């Protein structure tokens, strides 16, 4: 704050010295007091959502998966995915990263795909989410934690905020690790996942999930066919790395998916009823939706802090 005041004062002095207007005297101008605080926008990064800042209230009901322990680090390992609709003539690619997200002295280990939804399916997804919101209140957009009913007032903003961002398919549990484990984990990831083939991933089923603590429910898009076998093998490789570091392994029967919206508590019954109603609506006339969107796997990387590690090479297709 002192630095801001000093900068403010210096800029004023410079501008006054360059002007021909005489300085006001004490007779007609009261002694200046402390400068007012700067606008809050100067103290925080720009927010592209404008007034849509609900993160603090939305997160109030969220529960940490594990307690904060000083010296623990959170490692986020994921596969970024750029998706496209099946009617496109070209395709975009995806890759896997491993990221450590620091929370003061602790962080989070998590393996997942990152998914970018293309523009063509977004229009249909916007209408789907608006219909679900009308059936199930209290939904929030994943990660940004903005109430869905606010975004549904503007289709463009709903598409931008809810769908125009990164998504992920988890490949491992979220667990704490120690700093001395990071190098070992990266090395073993390279050993286990070094050679991979490109493959297609189809997101073709709406599904409802509830976290282990029963504190949040999620509306998600699941992979049930194309890419499932390959993702399962990658999860098994990650499990081996976890096991060698005495970390809890992933679910025995993994169900790869991306989550779009969430709600507090276990409201899976309400969400499943909404999904079933939407399924009947989509299938009216005998048409069956084979897939929602598609992406192609294209590599593995591991990012820790600001450093990115190449994890895999591609064998010939």
C-alpha atoms as a PDB file:
ATOM      1  CA  UNK A   1       0.000   0.000   0.000  1.00  0.00           C
ATOM      2  CA  UNK A   2       2.861   2.371   0.803  1.00  0.00           C
ATOM      3  CA  UNK A   3       4.348   1.640  -2.596  1.00  0.00           C
ATOM      4  CA  UNK A   4       1.053   2.477  -4.270  1.00  0.00           C
ATOM      5  CA  UNK A   5       0.831   5.721  -2.322  1.00  0.00           C
ATOM      6  CA  UNK A   6       4.368   6.667  -3.206  1.00  0.00           C
ATOM      7  CA  UNK A   7       3.731   5.918  -6.859  1.00  0.00           C
ATOM      8  CA  UNK A   8       0.505   7.904  -6.780  1.00  0.00           C
ATOM      9  CA  UNK A   9       2.208  10.868  -5.119  1.00  0.00           C
ATOM     10  CA  UNK A  10       5.158  10.824  -7.516  1.00  0.00           C
ATOM     11  CA  UNK A  11       2.929  10.756 -10.568  1.00  0.00           C
ATOM     12  CA  UNK A  12       0.981  13.712  -9.230  1.00  0.00           C
ATOM     13  CA  UNK A  13       4.167  15.690  -8.591  1.00  0.00           C
ATOM     14  CA  UNK A  14       5.455  14.969 -12.082  1.00  0.00           C
ATOM     15  CA  UNK A  15       2.239  16.075 -13.712  1.00  0.00           C
ATOM     16  CA  UNK A  16       2.120  19.258 -11.652  1.00  0.00           C
ATOM     17  CA  UNK A  17       5.712  20.233 -12.440  1.00  0.00           C
ATOM     18  CA  UNK A  18       5.018  19.910 -16.156  1.00  0.00           C
ATOM     19  CA  UNK A  19       2.006  22.220 -15.966  1.00  0.00           C
ATOM     20  CA  UNK A  20       1.980  26.018 -16.095  1.00  0.00           C
ATOM     21  CA  UNK A  21      -0.802  26.121 -13.525  1.00  0.00           C
ATOM     22  CA  UNK A  22       0.539  27.410 -10.172  1.00  0.00           C
ATOM     23  CA  UNK A  23       0.339  25.161  -7.140  1.00  0.00           C
ATOM     24  CA  UNK A  24      -2.517  25.902  -4.740  1.00  0.00           C
ATOM     25  CA  UNK A  25      -1.467  27.551  -1.494  1.00  0.00           C
ATOM     26  CA  UNK A  26      -2.430  26.559   2.030  1.00  0.00           C
ATOM     27  CA  UNK A  27      -4.771  29.557   2.254  1.00  0.00           C
ATOM     28  CA  UNK A  28      -7.198  28.192  -0.304  1.00  0.00           C
ATOM     29  CA  UNK A  29      -6.477  24.470  -0.040  1.00  0.00           C
ATOM     30  CA  UNK A  30      -6.666  22.313   3.048  1.00  0.00           C
ATOM     31  CA  UNK A  31      -3.681  20.185   4.012  1.00  0.00           C
ATOM     32  CA  UNK A  32      -3.889  16.891   2.248  1.00  0.00           C
ATOM     33  CA  UNK A  33      -4.686  13.871   4.387  1.00  0.00           C
ATOM     34  CA  UNK A  34      -3.985  10.206   3.760  1.00  0.00           C
ATOM     35  CA  UNK A  35      -4.676   9.130   0.215  1.00  0.00           C
ATOM     36  CA  UNK A  36      -7.806   7.026  -0.331  1.00  0.00           C
ATOM     37  CA  UNK A  37      -7.267   3.320  -0.866  1.00  0.00           C
ATOM     38  CA  UNK A  38      -6.804   2.258  -4.486  1.00  0.00           C
ATOM     39  CA  UNK A  39      -9.636   0.517  -6.314  1.00  0.00           C
ATOM     40  CA  UNK A  40      -9.905  -3.143  -5.432  1.00  0.00           C
ATOM     41  CA  UNK A  41      -9.437  -4.022  -9.103  1.00  0.00           C
ATOM     42  CA  UNK A  42      -5.820  -2.848  -8.850  1.00  0.00           C
ATOM     43  CA  UNK A  43      -5.108  -5.372  -6.107  1.00  0.00           C
ATOM     44  CA  UNK A  44      -6.424  -8.420  -7.950  1.00  0.00           C
ATOM     45  CA  UNK A  45      -5.949  -9.846 -11.443  1.00  0.00           C
ATOM     46  CA  UNK A  46      -8.431  -8.863 -14.142  1.00  0.00           C
ATOM     47  CA  UNK A  47     -11.651 -10.816 -14.010  1.00  0.00           C
ATOM     48  CA  UNK A  48     -13.077 -11.538 -17.439  1.00  0.00           C
ATOM     49  CA  UNK A  49     -16.393 -12.432 -15.825  1.00  0.00           C
ATOM     50  CA  UNK A  50     -16.979  -8.855 -14.724  1.00  0.00           C
ATOM     51  CA  UNK A  51     -19.428  -8.822 -11.850  1.00  0.00           C
ATOM     52  CA  UNK A  52     -19.807 -12.607 -11.838  1.00  0.00           C
ATOM     53  CA  UNK A  53     -17.616 -13.342  -8.832  1.00  0.00           C
ATOM     54  CA  UNK A  54     -19.295 -15.943  -6.662  1.00  0.00           C
ATOM     55  CA  UNK A  55     -16.300 -18.084  -5.827  1.00  0.00           C
ATOM     56  CA  UNK A  56     -16.128 -17.209  -2.132  1.00  0.00           C
ATOM     57  CA  UNK A  57     -19.764 -17.979  -1.420  1.00  0.00           C
ATOM     58  CA  UNK A  58     -19.771 -21.050  -3.637  1.00  0.00           C
ATOM     59  CA  UNK A  59     -16.722 -22.558  -2.003  1.00  0.00           C
ATOM     60  CA  UNK A  60     -18.073 -22.112   1.519  1.00  0.00           C
ATOM     61  CA  UNK A  61     -19.699 -25.526   1.401  1.00  0.00           C
ATOM     62  CA  UNK A  62     -16.744 -27.364  -0.071  1.00  0.00           C
ATOM     63  CA  UNK A  63     -14.665 -29.723   2.061  1.00  0.00           C
ATOM     64  CA  UNK A  64     -10.953 -30.506   1.678  1.00  0.00           C
ATOM     65  CA  UNK A  65     -10.251 -34.099   0.696  1.00  0.00           C
ATOM     66  CA  UNK A  66      -7.387 -34.224   3.196  1.00  0.00           C
ATOM     67  CA  UNK A  67      -6.152 -31.950   6.017  1.00  0.00           C
ATOM     68  CA  UNK A  68      -3.515 -29.307   5.377  1.00  0.00           C
ATOM     69  CA  UNK A  69      -0.073 -30.487   6.505  1.00  0.00           C
ATOM     70  CA  UNK A  70       2.903 -28.168   6.182  1.00  0.00           C
ATOM     71  CA  UNK A  71       5.528 -29.641   3.869  1.00  0.00           C
ATOM     72  CA  UNK A  72       3.003 -31.568   1.756  1.00  0.00           C
ATOM     73  CA  UNK A  73       2.668 -30.767  -1.952  1.00  0.00           C
ATOM     74  CA  UNK A  74      -0.177 -31.303  -4.375  1.00  0.00           C
ATOM     75  CA  UNK A  75       0.823 -32.786  -7.700  1.00  0.00           C
ATOM     76  CA  UNK A  76      -1.692 -32.380 -10.529  1.00  0.00           C
ATOM     77  CA  UNK A  77      -1.076 -34.824 -13.372  1.00  0.00           C
ATOM     78  CA  UNK A  78      -3.473 -34.578 -16.300  1.00  0.00           C
ATOM     79  CA  UNK A  79      -3.994 -35.112 -20.020  1.00  0.00           C
ATOM     80  CA  UNK A  80      -5.102 -31.920 -21.804  1.00  0.00           C
ATOM     81  CA  UNK A  81      -7.640 -32.707 -24.519  1.00  0.00           C
ATOM     82  CA  UNK A  82      -8.865 -30.531 -27.384  1.00  0.00           C
ATOM     83  CA  UNK A  83     -12.151 -31.974 -28.571  1.00  0.00           C
ATOM     84  CA  UNK A  84     -14.126 -31.720 -31.790  1.00  0.00           C
ATOM     85  CA  UNK A  85     -17.490 -32.796 -33.119  1.00  0.00           C
ATOM     86  CA  UNK A  86     -17.657 -35.853 -35.350  1.00  0.00           C
ATOM     87  CA  UNK A  87     -18.811 -33.753 -38.319  1.00  0.00           C
ATOM     88  CA  UNK A  88     -15.575 -31.723 -38.413  1.00  0.00           C
ATOM     89  CA  UNK A  89     -13.176 -32.379 -41.294  1.00  0.00           C
ATOM     90  CA  UNK A  90     -10.078 -31.550 -39.269  1.00  0.00           C
ATOM     91  CA  UNK A  91      -9.091 -32.533 -35.765  1.00  0.00           C
ATOM     92  CA  UNK A  92      -7.373 -31.064 -32.739  1.00  0.00           C
ATOM     93  CA  UNK A  93      -5.045 -32.863 -30.395  1.00  0.00           C
ATOM     94  CA  UNK A  94      -4.568 -33.451 -26.703  1.00  0.00           C
ATOM     95  CA  UNK A  95      -1.716 -34.232 -24.366  1.00  0.00           C
ATOM     96  CA  UNK A  96      -1.068 -35.152 -20.752  1.00  0.00           C
ATOM     97  CA  UNK A  97       0.450 -32.875 -18.147  1.00  0.00           C
ATOM     98  CA  UNK A  98       1.456 -33.298 -14.538  1.00  0.00           C
ATOM     99  CA  UNK A  99       1.011 -30.108 -12.517  1.00  0.00           C
ATOM    100  CA  UNK A 100       1.825 -29.248  -8.936  1.00  0.00           C
ATOM    101  CA  UNK A 101      -0.574 -26.620  -7.600  1.00  0.00           C
ATOM    102  CA  UNK A 102       0.840 -24.911  -4.515  1.00  0.00           C
ATOM    103  CA  UNK A 103      -1.459 -23.889  -1.672  1.00  0.00           C
ATOM    104  CA  UNK A 104       0.936 -22.061   0.621  1.00  0.00           C
ATOM    105  CA  UNK A 105       2.866 -25.029   2.006  1.00  0.00           C
ATOM    106  CA  UNK A 106       0.651 -27.785   0.678  1.00  0.00           C
ATOM    107  CA  UNK A 107      -0.485 -29.031  -2.714  1.00  0.00           C
ATOM    108  CA  UNK A 108      -2.564 -31.642  -4.441  1.00  0.00           C
ATOM    109  CA  UNK A 109      -1.702 -34.747  -6.491  1.00  0.00           C
ATOM    110  CA  UNK A 110      -4.167 -35.546  -9.236  1.00  0.00           C
ATOM    111  CA  UNK A 111      -3.955 -37.342 -12.600  1.00  0.00           C
ATOM    112  CA  UNK A 112      -6.417 -36.261 -15.294  1.00  0.00           C
ATOM    113  CA  UNK A 113      -7.130 -35.350 -18.902  1.00  0.00           C
ATOM    114  CA  UNK A 114      -7.779 -31.715 -19.782  1.00  0.00           C
ATOM    115  CA  UNK A 115     -10.583 -31.303 -22.290  1.00  0.00           C
ATOM    116  CA  UNK A 116     -11.514 -28.318 -24.461  1.00  0.00           C
ATOM    117  CA  UNK A 117     -15.012 -28.524 -25.924  1.00  0.00           C
ATOM    118  CA  UNK A 118     -15.256 -27.281 -29.540  1.00  0.00           C
ATOM    119  CA  UNK A 119     -17.763 -24.688 -30.711  1.00  0.00           C
ATOM    120  CA  UNK A 120     -20.102 -27.028 -32.601  1.00  0.00           C
ATOM    121  CA  UNK A 121     -21.195 -29.183 -29.617  1.00  0.00           C
ATOM    122  CA  UNK A 122     -21.184 -26.161 -27.284  1.00  0.00           C
ATOM    123  CA  UNK A 123     -24.463 -24.848 -28.683  1.00  0.00           C
ATOM    124  CA  UNK A 124     -26.210 -28.126 -27.926  1.00  0.00           C
ATOM    125  CA  UNK A 125     -24.583 -28.383 -24.503  1.00  0.00           C
ATOM    126  CA  UNK A 126     -25.757 -24.866 -23.611  1.00  0.00           C
ATOM    127  CA  UNK A 127     -29.371 -25.850 -24.263  1.00  0.00           C
ATOM    128  CA  UNK A 128     -28.891 -29.100 -22.345  1.00  0.00           C
ATOM    129  CA  UNK A 129     -27.528 -27.291 -19.273  1.00  0.00           C
ATOM    130  CA  UNK A 130     -30.321 -24.719 -19.368  1.00  0.00           C
ATOM    131  CA  UNK A 131     -32.919 -27.489 -19.367  1.00  0.00           C
ATOM    132  CA  UNK A 132     -31.203 -29.333 -16.503  1.00  0.00           C
ATOM    133  CA  UNK A 133     -31.005 -26.085 -14.523  1.00  0.00           C
ATOM    134  CA  UNK A 134     -34.770 -25.653 -14.891  1.00  0.00           C
ATOM    135  CA  UNK A 135     -35.267 -29.139 -13.443  1.00  0.00           C
ATOM    136  CA  UNK A 136     -32.605 -29.111 -10.706  1.00  0.00           C
ATOM    137  CA  UNK A 137     -31.884 -25.896  -8.746  1.00  0.00           C
ATOM    138  CA  UNK A 138     -28.653 -25.089  -6.927  1.00  0.00           C
ATOM    139  CA  UNK A 139     -26.187 -26.074  -9.660  1.00  0.00           C
ATOM    140  CA  UNK A 140     -22.773 -24.407 -10.054  1.00  0.00           C
ATOM    141  CA  UNK A 141     -20.228 -24.439 -12.862  1.00  0.00           C
ATOM    142  CA  UNK A 142     -17.244 -26.675 -12.074  1.00  0.00           C
ATOM    143  CA  UNK A 143     -14.007 -24.879 -11.069  1.00  0.00           C
ATOM    144  CA  UNK A 144     -15.294 -21.315 -11.515  1.00  0.00           C
ATOM    145  CA  UNK A 145     -18.117 -22.073  -9.032  1.00  0.00           C
ATOM    146  CA  UNK A 146     -20.614 -19.595 -10.487  1.00  0.00           C
ATOM    147  CA  UNK A 147     -24.332 -20.374 -10.032  1.00  0.00           C
ATOM    148  CA  UNK A 148     -25.658 -21.880 -13.243  1.00  0.00           C
ATOM    149  CA  UNK A 149     -28.956 -19.974 -13.070  1.00  0.00           C
ATOM    150  CA  UNK A 150     -27.061 -16.664 -13.337  1.00  0.00           C
ATOM    151  CA  UNK A 151     -25.223 -17.765 -16.476  1.00  0.00           C
ATOM    152  CA  UNK A 152     -28.356 -19.191 -18.076  1.00  0.00           C
ATOM    153  CA  UNK A 153     -29.659 -15.650 -18.548  1.00  0.00           C
ATOM    154  CA  UNK A 154     -27.113 -15.162 -21.349  1.00  0.00           C
ATOM    155  CA  UNK A 155     -26.331 -18.018 -23.760  1.00  0.00           C
ATOM    156  CA  UNK A 156     -23.042 -16.463 -24.846  1.00  0.00           C
ATOM    157  CA  UNK A 157     -21.822 -16.045 -21.279  1.00  0.00           C
ATOM    158  CA  UNK A 158     -22.967 -19.555 -20.389  1.00  0.00           C
ATOM    159  CA  UNK A 159     -21.023 -20.952 -23.334  1.00  0.00           C
ATOM    160  CA  UNK A 160     -17.947 -18.879 -22.513  1.00  0.00           C
ATOM    161  CA  UNK A 161     -17.806 -19.550 -18.777  1.00  0.00           C
ATOM    162  CA  UNK A 162     -19.246 -23.056 -18.457  1.00  0.00           C
ATOM    163  CA  UNK A 163     -17.897 -24.624 -21.647  1.00  0.00           C
ATOM    164  CA  UNK A 164     -15.054 -22.451 -22.942  1.00  0.00           C
ATOM    165  CA  UNK A 165     -12.443 -23.645 -20.477  1.00  0.00           C
ATOM    166  CA  UNK A 166     -10.357 -26.642 -19.467  1.00  0.00           C
ATOM    167  CA  UNK A 167     -11.932 -29.875 -18.290  1.00  0.00           C
ATOM    168  CA  UNK A 168     -10.196 -32.994 -17.054  1.00  0.00           C
ATOM    169  CA  UNK A 169     -10.561 -36.748 -16.811  1.00  0.00           C
ATOM    170  CA  UNK A 170      -8.992 -37.942 -13.589  1.00  0.00           C
ATOM    171  CA  UNK A 171      -6.433 -40.725 -13.853  1.00  0.00           C
ATOM    172  CA  UNK A 172      -5.627 -40.959 -10.152  1.00  0.00           C
ATOM    173  CA  UNK A 173      -6.827 -39.975  -6.723  1.00  0.00           C
ATOM    174  CA  UNK A 174      -6.192 -36.570  -5.169  1.00  0.00           C
ATOM    175  CA  UNK A 175      -3.641 -37.201  -2.410  1.00  0.00           C
ATOM    176  CA  UNK A 176      -0.887 -35.236  -0.635  1.00  0.00           C
ATOM    177  CA  UNK A 177       2.786 -35.950  -1.361  1.00  0.00           C
ATOM    178  CA  UNK A 178       6.101 -34.762   0.094  1.00  0.00           C
ATOM    179  CA  UNK A 179       8.538 -32.611  -1.838  1.00  0.00           C
ATOM    180  CA  UNK A 180      11.186 -35.347  -1.966  1.00  0.00           C
ATOM    181  CA  UNK A 181       8.737 -37.587  -3.873  1.00  0.00           C
ATOM    182  CA  UNK A 182       8.346 -35.261  -6.868  1.00  0.00           C
ATOM    183  CA  UNK A 183      11.473 -36.282  -8.818  1.00  0.00           C
ATOM    184  CA  UNK A 184      10.787 -39.941  -8.215  1.00  0.00           C
ATOM    185  CA  UNK A 185       7.186 -39.649  -9.410  1.00  0.00           C
ATOM    186  CA  UNK A 186       8.216 -37.844 -12.603  1.00  0.00           C
ATOM    187  CA  UNK A 187      10.903 -40.439 -13.347  1.00  0.00           C
ATOM    188  CA  UNK A 188       8.519 -43.341 -12.855  1.00  0.00           C
ATOM    189  CA  UNK A 189       5.822 -41.690 -14.959  1.00  0.00           C
ATOM    190  CA  UNK A 190       8.320 -41.511 -17.804  1.00  0.00           C
ATOM    191  CA  UNK A 191       9.200 -45.162 -17.352  1.00  0.00           C
ATOM    192  CA  UNK A 192       5.579 -46.325 -17.266  1.00  0.00           C
ATOM    193  CA  UNK A 193       4.092 -43.999 -19.904  1.00  0.00           C
ATOM    194  CA  UNK A 194       7.014 -43.303 -22.217  1.00  0.00           C
ATOM    195  CA  UNK A 195       5.645 -44.914 -25.387  1.00  0.00           C
ATOM    196  CA  UNK A 196       2.011 -44.267 -26.303  1.00  0.00           C
ATOM    197  CA  UNK A 197      -0.127 -44.545 -29.431  1.00  0.00           C
ATOM    198  CA  UNK A 198      -2.580 -41.879 -30.500  1.00  0.00           C
ATOM    199  CA  UNK A 199      -6.198 -42.850 -30.026  1.00  0.00           C
ATOM    200  CA  UNK A 200      -9.665 -41.339 -30.240  1.00  0.00           C
ATOM    201  CA  UNK A 201     -11.750 -40.563 -27.158  1.00  0.00           C
ATOM    202  CA  UNK A 202     -15.542 -40.450 -27.442  1.00  0.00           C
ATOM    203  CA  UNK A 203     -17.606 -38.669 -24.793  1.00  0.00           C
ATOM    204  CA  UNK A 204     -20.985 -40.261 -25.340  1.00  0.00           C
ATOM    205  CA  UNK A 205     -22.990 -40.561 -22.122  1.00  0.00           C
ATOM    206  CA  UNK A 206     -24.409 -38.157 -19.554  1.00  0.00           C
ATOM    207  CA  UNK A 207     -23.817 -39.488 -16.039  1.00  0.00           C
ATOM    208  CA  UNK A 208     -24.077 -38.388 -12.397  1.00  0.00           C
ATOM    209  CA  UNK A 209     -21.255 -38.828  -9.877  1.00  0.00           C
ATOM    210  CA  UNK A 210     -20.932 -38.119  -6.144  1.00  0.00           C
ATOM    211  CA  UNK A 211     -17.591 -37.579  -4.398  1.00  0.00           C
ATOM    212  CA  UNK A 212     -16.339 -39.951  -1.700  1.00  0.00           C
ATOM    213  CA  UNK A 213     -17.403 -37.619   1.124  1.00  0.00           C
ATOM    214  CA  UNK A 214     -20.960 -37.301  -0.258  1.00  0.00           C
ATOM    215  CA  UNK A 215     -20.504 -33.524  -0.100  1.00  0.00           C
ATOM    216  CA  UNK A 216     -20.908 -32.750  -3.805  1.00  0.00           C
ATOM    217  CA  UNK A 217     -22.760 -34.172  -6.800  1.00  0.00           C
ATOM    218  CA  UNK A 218     -21.591 -33.747 -10.404  1.00  0.00           C
ATOM    219  CA  UNK A 219     -23.260 -33.800 -13.802  1.00  0.00           C
ATOM    220  CA  UNK A 220     -20.672 -35.284 -16.157  1.00  0.00           C
ATOM    221  CA  UNK A 221     -20.021 -36.654 -19.641  1.00  0.00           C
ATOM    222  CA  UNK A 222     -18.582 -40.180 -19.539  1.00  0.00           C
ATOM    223  CA  UNK A 223     -16.305 -42.176 -21.847  1.00  0.00           C
ATOM    224  CA  UNK A 224     -17.881 -45.622 -22.270  1.00  0.00           C
ATOM    225  CA  UNK A 225     -16.457 -46.889 -25.563  1.00  0.00           C
ATOM    226  CA  UNK A 226     -13.866 -45.166 -27.754  1.00  0.00           C
ATOM    227  CA  UNK A 227     -10.691 -44.540 -25.750  1.00  0.00           C
ATOM    228  CA  UNK A 228     -11.864 -46.356 -22.630  1.00  0.00           C
ATOM    229  CA  UNK A 229      -9.404 -49.255 -22.942  1.00  0.00           C
ATOM    230  CA  UNK A 230      -6.441 -46.932 -23.528  1.00  0.00           C
ATOM    231  CA  UNK A 231      -7.352 -44.626 -20.640  1.00  0.00           C
ATOM    232  CA  UNK A 232      -7.791 -47.634 -18.362  1.00  0.00           C
ATOM    233  CA  UNK A 233      -4.281 -48.834 -19.192  1.00  0.00           C
ATOM    234  CA  UNK A 234      -2.892 -45.378 -18.407  1.00  0.00           C
ATOM    235  CA  UNK A 235      -4.740 -45.382 -15.091  1.00  0.00           C
ATOM    236  CA  UNK A 236      -3.164 -48.748 -14.283  1.00  0.00           C
ATOM    237  CA  UNK A 237       0.280 -47.296 -15.021  1.00  0.00           C
ATOM    238  CA  UNK A 238      -0.435 -44.349 -12.720  1.00  0.00           C
ATOM    239  CA  UNK A 239      -1.635 -46.788 -10.048  1.00  0.00           C
ATOM    240  CA  UNK A 240       1.730 -48.543 -10.185  1.00  0.00           C
ATOM    241  CA  UNK A 241       3.508 -45.242  -9.556  1.00  0.00           C
ATOM    242  CA  UNK A 242       1.138 -44.502  -6.665  1.00  0.00           C
ATOM    243  CA  UNK A 243       1.657 -47.948  -5.201  1.00  0.00           C
ATOM    244  CA  UNK A 244       5.440 -47.601  -5.241  1.00  0.00           C
ATOM    245  CA  UNK A 245       5.098 -44.318  -3.339  1.00  0.00           C
ATOM    246  CA  UNK A 246       2.601 -45.721  -0.814  1.00  0.00           C
ATOM    247  CA  UNK A 247      -0.208 -43.576  -2.207  1.00  0.00           C
ATOM    248  CA  UNK A 248      -3.840 -44.741  -2.444  1.00  0.00           C
ATOM    249  CA  UNK A 249      -4.681 -46.124  -5.872  1.00  0.00           C
ATOM    250  CA  UNK A 250      -7.558 -45.101  -8.134  1.00  0.00           C
ATOM    251  CA  UNK A 251     -10.997 -46.709  -8.148  1.00  0.00           C
ATOM    252  CA  UNK A 252     -11.015 -50.417  -8.989  1.00  0.00           C
ATOM    253  CA  UNK A 253     -13.555 -49.857 -11.762  1.00  0.00           C
ATOM    254  CA  UNK A 254     -12.582 -46.432 -13.200  1.00  0.00           C
ATOM    255  CA  UNK A 255     -15.152 -44.457 -15.187  1.00  0.00           C
ATOM    256  CA  UNK A 256     -13.373 -41.722 -17.173  1.00  0.00           C
ATOM    257  CA  UNK A 257     -15.445 -38.552 -17.464  1.00  0.00           C
ATOM    258  CA  UNK A 258     -15.446 -34.768 -17.417  1.00  0.00           C
ATOM    259  CA  UNK A 259     -17.675 -32.848 -15.000  1.00  0.00           C
ATOM    260  CA  UNK A 260     -19.568 -29.745 -16.123  1.00  0.00           C
ATOM    261  CA  UNK A 261     -21.640 -28.660 -13.109  1.00  0.00           C
ATOM    262  CA  UNK A 262     -21.895 -29.539  -9.426  1.00  0.00           C
ATOM    263  CA  UNK A 263     -24.238 -29.133  -6.455  1.00  0.00           C
ATOM    264  CA  UNK A 264     -23.788 -29.365  -2.704  1.00  0.00           C
ATOM    265  CA  UNK A 265     -24.634 -32.665  -1.062  1.00  0.00           C
ATOM    266  CA  UNK A 266     -25.831 -35.904  -2.599  1.00  0.00           C
ATOM    267  CA  UNK A 267     -28.593 -34.943  -5.038  1.00  0.00           C
ATOM    268  CA  UNK A 268     -27.827 -37.781  -7.434  1.00  0.00           C
ATOM    269  CA  UNK A 269     -31.472 -38.896  -7.587  1.00  0.00           C
ATOM    270  CA  UNK A 270     -32.643 -35.474  -8.787  1.00  0.00           C
ATOM    271  CA  UNK A 271     -29.844 -35.206 -11.338  1.00  0.00           C
ATOM    272  CA  UNK A 272     -30.457 -38.730 -12.650  1.00  0.00           C
ATOM    273  CA  UNK A 273     -34.152 -37.973 -13.131  1.00  0.00           C
ATOM    274  CA  UNK A 274     -33.200 -34.851 -15.096  1.00  0.00           C
ATOM    275  CA  UNK A 275     -30.736 -36.831 -17.236  1.00  0.00           C
ATOM    276  CA  UNK A 276     -33.364 -39.485 -17.950  1.00  0.00           C
ATOM    277  CA  UNK A 277     -35.917 -36.854 -18.940  1.00  0.00           C
ATOM    278  CA  UNK A 278     -33.387 -35.225 -21.257  1.00  0.00           C
ATOM    279  CA  UNK A 279     -32.542 -38.626 -22.766  1.00  0.00           C
ATOM    280  CA  UNK A 280     -36.194 -39.249 -23.591  1.00  0.00           C
ATOM    281  CA  UNK A 281     -36.449 -35.782 -25.106  1.00  0.00           C
ATOM    282  CA  UNK A 282     -33.335 -36.262 -27.274  1.00  0.00           C
ATOM    283  CA  UNK A 283     -34.455 -39.705 -28.449  1.00  0.00           C
ATOM    284  CA  UNK A 284     -37.892 -38.506 -29.583  1.00  0.00           C
ATOM    285  CA  UNK A 285     -38.420 -39.607 -33.169  1.00  0.00           C
ATOM    286  CA  UNK A 286     -36.170 -42.642 -32.855  1.00  0.00           C
ATOM    287  CA  UNK A 287     -32.848 -40.789 -33.174  1.00  0.00           C
ATOM    288  CA  UNK A 288     -30.095 -41.895 -30.806  1.00  0.00           C
ATOM    289  CA  UNK A 289     -27.121 -39.665 -30.030  1.00  0.00           C
ATOM    290  CA  UNK A 290     -23.989 -41.802 -30.518  1.00  0.00           C
ATOM    291  CA  UNK A 291     -21.536 -39.294 -29.091  1.00  0.00           C
ATOM    292  CA  UNK A 292     -21.535 -35.818 -27.590  1.00  0.00           C
ATOM    293  CA  UNK A 293     -18.056 -34.872 -28.793  1.00  0.00           C
ATOM    294  CA  UNK A 294     -14.730 -36.481 -29.657  1.00  0.00           C
ATOM    295  CA  UNK A 295     -11.033 -35.783 -29.122  1.00  0.00           C
ATOM    296  CA  UNK A 296      -7.711 -37.386 -29.998  1.00  0.00           C
ATOM    297  CA  UNK A 297      -4.965 -38.207 -27.511  1.00  0.00           C
ATOM    298  CA  UNK A 298      -1.621 -36.763 -28.563  1.00  0.00           C
ATOM    299  CA  UNK A 299       0.984 -37.017 -25.822  1.00  0.00           C
ATOM    300  CA  UNK A 300       1.932 -36.879 -22.164  1.00  0.00           C
ATOM    301  CA  UNK A 301       3.662 -34.081 -20.280  1.00  0.00           C
ATOM    302  CA  UNK A 302       4.346 -33.424 -16.627  1.00  0.00           C
ATOM    303  CA  UNK A 303       4.253 -29.858 -15.326  1.00  0.00           C
ATOM    304  CA  UNK A 304       5.503 -29.112 -11.837  1.00  0.00           C
ATOM    305  CA  UNK A 305       5.241 -25.475 -10.853  1.00  0.00           C
ATOM    306  CA  UNK A 306       6.328 -23.566 -13.962  1.00  0.00           C
ATOM    307  CA  UNK A 307       8.400 -26.418 -15.394  1.00  0.00           C
ATOM    308  CA  UNK A 308       7.011 -28.904 -17.910  1.00  0.00           C
ATOM    309  CA  UNK A 309       8.459 -32.396 -18.425  1.00  0.00           C
ATOM    310  CA  UNK A 310       7.911 -34.492 -21.542  1.00  0.00           C
ATOM    311  CA  UNK A 311       6.650 -37.871 -20.374  1.00  0.00           C
ATOM    312  CA  UNK A 312       5.978 -39.927 -23.504  1.00  0.00           C
ATOM    313  CA  UNK A 313       6.976 -40.475 -27.107  1.00  0.00           C
ATOM    314  CA  UNK A 314       4.694 -41.766 -29.829  1.00  0.00           C
ATOM    315  CA  UNK A 315       5.291 -45.069 -31.506  1.00  0.00           C
ATOM    316  CA  UNK A 316       4.390 -45.260 -35.194  1.00  0.00           C
ATOM    317  CA  UNK A 317       0.646 -45.426 -35.823  1.00  0.00           C
END
